[in-house]
Every structure is written in C-alpha cells, then in structure tokens.
Amino acid sequence: MRIGEFLIDKIIAPLVVASLTPITISIISKINTGDWAELFGLIPKIFWVIFSISILAWIAIIVIHKRVKRLQELDSGPGVFVISQPIFGWVIIAKFNYVGLIWKVRAPATAPWESFDPSSISSSSIEIETPPRCPKCETEIEQEHSFWGGYIWRCVRCGFKKRNRDSYYREQERAEKIARREWEKQRQ
C-alpha cells in the first residue's frame, strides 16, 4: 500500500468521520436553539476529553499496527537466494572480534588427498561465516528487527544481547573486507 493510500484510508477518512460529530452537534444546536454552540455547553467537558483521547489513541494504534506489520514482513526473511558451496566444504582459518561479536573466517577446503596449505589461499576466496557467534559462549547469534529501527542480536544460550543499527548480514560484508585485507597483509 502506498503512503498516500494509507493516509487516506487509515487516518484522514476516519478523522473526517470523527470531526463530523461536532459538526452534527452544531447543526442540531442551530435547528433546536437557533445558536450554533448552545448544545456544546450542555455536553460535559469529560466527554470532550474522552473524545479527544480516543482519537489520539486511535491514531497511535494505527501507527503502531503499521510498524508491527512492517517488522513482521522484514522478519519473515529474504526470498529465494543462491548459496554457493565449495566442492570439499569450508575450513575455518581464523576468528576475530568485530562489532562485539566473534566472526569465523573460512576458506574453501582442499581435496581430502591434498594437504592444506594456508599460503595457497587467495584473499578473494575468504568468506565470513554467518551468523556470527556470541562473544561469551560462541553460540550462534539470533537477529530480529527492533521496533524503533535497527536490530537486536541475541544469544539463546547465555542471554547476551546487543543492539546494532545494521543487520549482521551488512556487518558480515564489512567484516569480510577487513578479513581479506588482514589476509593480504599477512602474505606480504
């Protein structure tokens, strides 16, 4: 739904209907008493307070509902994606700490009949494993969207919790760049 449609359907149209209440009271007041505002004086002030609070609460509920629905869509995960896997799997060549989490650096494993030689690994073949690991217990981290924006990373084992502006997939891309550069520096 586009923003304009949302505003018209969910906010503007109901506010117009809600504003018809005082207009209707004014018309009835004019017909019965000859004065546009006389019936307003007969209505207790508590009614107007409750009426105003109800409209504000209703608008807040609509906005919150829209945000929760959007978060549910985001948390449902990506659509179809392709995973590439080396023929003989991966071998973990290092671990490092980045944005408060442990990231495993991996490279394609050699054939079982060949010996593994770290110096033969090119920096372009290095990848970072996701999800990252908890810095306390090294359990995989779970991620969910925060209501106010950003992400919450949580460990299911020890209860570690961290907020971050970007997803760990975005941070994984950054960690991979750092790991590749460090690998290049070691080979020089």
Protein backbone atom coordinates (compact mmCIF):
# COMPACT_ATOMS: atom_id res chain seq x y z
CA MET A 1 0.00 0.00 0.00
CA ARG A 2 1.38 3.39 -0.91
CA ILE A 3 1.79 6.08 1.74
CA GLY A 4 -0.93 8.28 0.18
CA GLU A 5 -3.44 5.45 0.19
CA PHE A 6 -2.50 4.59 3.78
CA LEU A 7 -3.01 8.19 4.91
CA ILE A 8 -6.37 8.48 3.17
CA ASP A 9 -7.75 5.06 4.18
CA LYS A 10 -6.41 4.77 7.70
CA ILE A 11 -6.00 8.32 9.03
CA ILE A 12 -7.69 11.09 7.03
CA ALA A 13 -11.02 9.37 6.28
CA PRO A 14 -11.61 8.32 9.91
CA LEU A 15 -10.61 11.77 11.15
CA VAL A 16 -13.17 13.32 8.80
CA VAL A 17 -15.80 10.96 10.20
CA ALA A 18 -14.74 11.84 13.76
CA SER A 19 -14.92 15.56 13.01
CA LEU A 20 -18.48 15.09 11.77
CA THR A 21 -19.55 14.60 15.41
CA PRO A 22 -19.07 18.26 16.42
CA ILE A 23 -20.44 19.44 13.05
CA THR A 24 -23.57 17.35 13.58
CA ILE A 25 -23.97 18.70 17.12
CA SER A 26 -23.62 22.28 15.76
CA ILE A 27 -26.32 21.71 13.14
CA ILE A 28 -28.69 20.12 15.68
CA SER A 29 -27.97 23.01 18.07
CA LYS A 30 -28.80 25.59 15.38
CA ILE A 31 -32.03 23.82 14.46
CA ASN A 32 -33.25 23.35 18.07
CA THR A 33 -31.99 26.52 19.77
CA GLY A 34 -31.09 28.96 17.00
CA ASP A 35 -27.47 29.11 18.27
CA TRP A 36 -24.62 27.07 16.74
CA ALA A 37 -22.83 26.41 20.03
CA GLU A 38 -25.51 26.19 22.74
CA LEU A 39 -25.65 22.37 22.79
CA PHE A 40 -21.84 22.23 23.15
CA GLY A 41 -22.24 23.90 26.54
CA LEU A 42 -24.66 21.17 27.64
CA ILE A 43 -22.21 18.38 26.85
CA PRO A 44 -19.94 17.66 29.83
CA LYS A 45 -16.26 18.53 29.38
CA ILE A 46 -15.28 15.00 30.32
CA PHE A 47 -16.99 13.85 27.11
CA TRP A 48 -14.72 16.12 25.04
CA VAL A 49 -11.65 14.93 26.90
CA ILE A 50 -12.59 11.29 26.36
CA PHE A 51 -13.42 12.02 22.72
CA SER A 52 -10.03 13.70 22.13
CA ILE A 53 -8.08 10.99 23.94
CA SER A 54 -9.93 8.32 21.94
CA ILE A 55 -8.98 9.93 18.63
CA LEU A 56 -5.32 10.32 19.65
CA ALA A 57 -5.18 6.73 20.94
CA TRP A 58 -6.77 5.50 17.74
CA ILE A 59 -4.15 7.29 15.61
CA ALA A 60 -1.36 5.88 17.80
CA ILE A 61 -2.76 2.36 17.47
CA ILE A 62 -2.88 2.68 13.68
CA VAL A 63 0.73 3.87 13.50
CA ILE A 64 1.95 1.13 15.88
CA HIS A 65 -0.02 -1.53 14.00
CA LYS A 66 1.53 -0.40 10.71
CA ARG A 67 5.05 -0.56 12.20
CA VAL A 68 4.48 -4.02 13.71
CA LYS A 69 3.16 -5.31 10.41
CA ARG A 70 6.23 -3.94 8.62
CA LEU A 71 8.55 -5.57 11.15
CA GLN A 72 6.79 -8.91 10.67
CA GLU A 73 7.35 -8.61 6.92
CA LEU A 74 11.03 -7.81 7.48
CA ASP A 75 11.50 -10.67 9.96
CA SER A 76 9.99 -13.20 7.56
CA GLY A 77 13.41 -13.30 5.88
CA PRO A 78 14.65 -12.98 2.36
CA GLY A 79 13.04 -14.64 -0.61
CA VAL A 80 14.86 -17.10 -2.81
CA PHE A 81 18.61 -16.81 -2.77
CA VAL A 82 21.51 -18.86 -4.10
CA ILE A 83 24.12 -20.46 -1.88
CA SER A 84 27.46 -21.44 -3.35
CA GLN A 85 29.36 -24.21 -1.64
CA PRO A 86 32.90 -25.29 -2.46
CA ILE A 87 33.25 -28.90 -3.57
CA PHE A 88 35.03 -30.05 -0.40
CA GLY A 89 33.37 -27.64 2.02
CA TRP A 90 34.96 -24.97 4.17
CA VAL A 91 37.81 -24.83 6.63
CA ILE A 92 37.92 -22.25 9.42
CA ILE A 93 41.22 -20.37 9.16
CA ALA A 94 40.72 -17.68 11.81
CA LYS A 95 38.34 -15.99 14.24
CA PHE A 96 38.20 -12.31 15.01
CA ASN A 97 36.15 -9.88 17.03
CA TYR A 98 34.22 -7.21 15.14
CA VAL A 99 31.28 -5.05 16.40
CA GLY A 100 31.33 -7.02 19.64
CA LEU A 101 30.75 -10.44 18.06
CA ILE A 102 33.02 -13.30 17.04
CA TRP A 103 33.26 -13.90 13.30
CA LYS A 104 34.71 -17.07 11.79
CA VAL A 105 36.89 -16.60 8.73
CA ARG A 106 36.70 -19.51 6.33
CA ALA A 107 38.28 -20.60 3.07
CA PRO A 108 37.49 -23.42 0.65
CA ALA A 109 38.89 -26.74 1.87
CA THR A 110 41.35 -28.63 -0.28
CA ALA A 111 40.68 -32.11 -1.60
CA PRO A 112 40.97 -34.82 1.07
CA TRP A 113 44.03 -36.31 -0.66
CA GLU A 114 45.88 -32.97 -0.66
CA SER A 115 47.49 -31.28 2.32
CA PHE A 116 46.07 -27.93 3.40
CA ASP A 117 48.42 -25.03 2.72
CA PRO A 118 47.22 -21.65 4.12
CA SER A 119 49.65 -19.77 1.89
CA SER A 120 47.78 -21.00 -1.19
CA ILE A 121 44.55 -19.29 -0.12
CA SER A 122 43.82 -16.11 -2.06
CA SER A 123 42.19 -13.22 -0.24
CA SER A 124 39.29 -13.24 -2.74
CA SER A 125 38.30 -16.77 -1.69
CA ILE A 126 37.99 -15.85 2.00
CA GLU A 127 34.48 -15.56 3.41
CA ILE A 128 32.96 -14.76 6.77
CA GLU A 129 30.55 -17.28 8.22
CA THR A 130 27.09 -16.09 9.26
CA PRO A 131 25.52 -15.97 11.70
CA PRO A 132 28.25 -14.57 13.93
CA ARG A 133 28.97 -16.03 17.36
CA CYS A 134 28.34 -14.81 20.89
CA PRO A 135 31.48 -13.28 22.45
CA LYS A 136 30.76 -15.05 25.76
CA CYS A 137 29.87 -18.62 24.77
CA GLU A 138 30.39 -18.74 20.96
CA THR A 139 26.80 -19.82 20.28
CA GLU A 140 25.27 -18.58 17.02
CA ILE A 141 23.53 -15.23 17.40
CA GLU A 142 19.87 -14.70 16.52
CA GLN A 143 18.75 -11.42 14.95
CA GLU A 144 15.43 -9.60 14.96
CA HIS A 145 14.28 -6.13 13.98
CA SER A 146 13.90 -3.60 16.75
CA PHE A 147 10.61 -1.72 16.91
CA TRP A 148 12.41 1.63 16.86
CA GLY A 149 14.70 0.66 13.97
CA GLY A 150 17.91 -1.26 13.82
CA TYR A 151 18.42 -4.80 15.04
CA ILE A 152 18.66 -6.78 18.25
CA TRP A 153 21.23 -9.55 18.36
CA ARG A 154 20.59 -12.19 21.00
CA CYS A 155 22.31 -15.35 22.22
CA VAL A 156 19.86 -18.13 23.10
CA ARG A 157 22.37 -19.86 25.36
CA CYS A 158 23.78 -17.22 27.72
CA GLY A 159 21.37 -14.30 27.19
CA PHE A 160 23.92 -11.93 25.63
CA LYS A 161 22.07 -9.07 23.93
CA LYS A 162 23.29 -6.24 21.72
CA ARG A 163 21.60 -3.59 19.62
CA ASN A 164 23.03 -2.53 16.29
CA ARG A 165 21.94 -0.17 13.56
CA ASP A 166 22.75 -2.59 10.73
CA SER A 167 21.92 -6.27 10.27
CA TYR A 168 24.60 -8.84 10.80
CA TYR A 169 24.48 -9.56 7.07
CA ARG A 170 25.61 -5.98 6.42
CA GLU A 171 28.22 -6.25 9.16
CA GLN A 172 29.35 -9.57 7.64
CA GLU A 173 30.18 -7.76 4.40
CA ARG A 174 32.28 -5.25 6.33
CA ALA A 175 33.97 -7.97 8.39
CA GLU A 176 34.80 -9.82 5.18
CA LYS A 177 36.54 -6.73 3.78
CA ILE A 178 38.61 -6.41 6.96
CA ALA A 179 39.48 -10.13 6.97
CA ARG A 180 40.56 -10.04 3.33
CA ARG A 181 42.79 -7.05 3.94
CA GLU A 182 44.37 -8.67 7.02
CA TRP A 183 44.98 -11.85 4.98
CA GLU A 184 46.67 -9.78 2.27
CA LYS A 185 48.86 -8.06 4.85
CA GLN A 186 49.98 -11.42 6.27
CA ARG A 187 51.02 -12.64 2.85
CA GLN A 188 53.16 -9.58 2.05
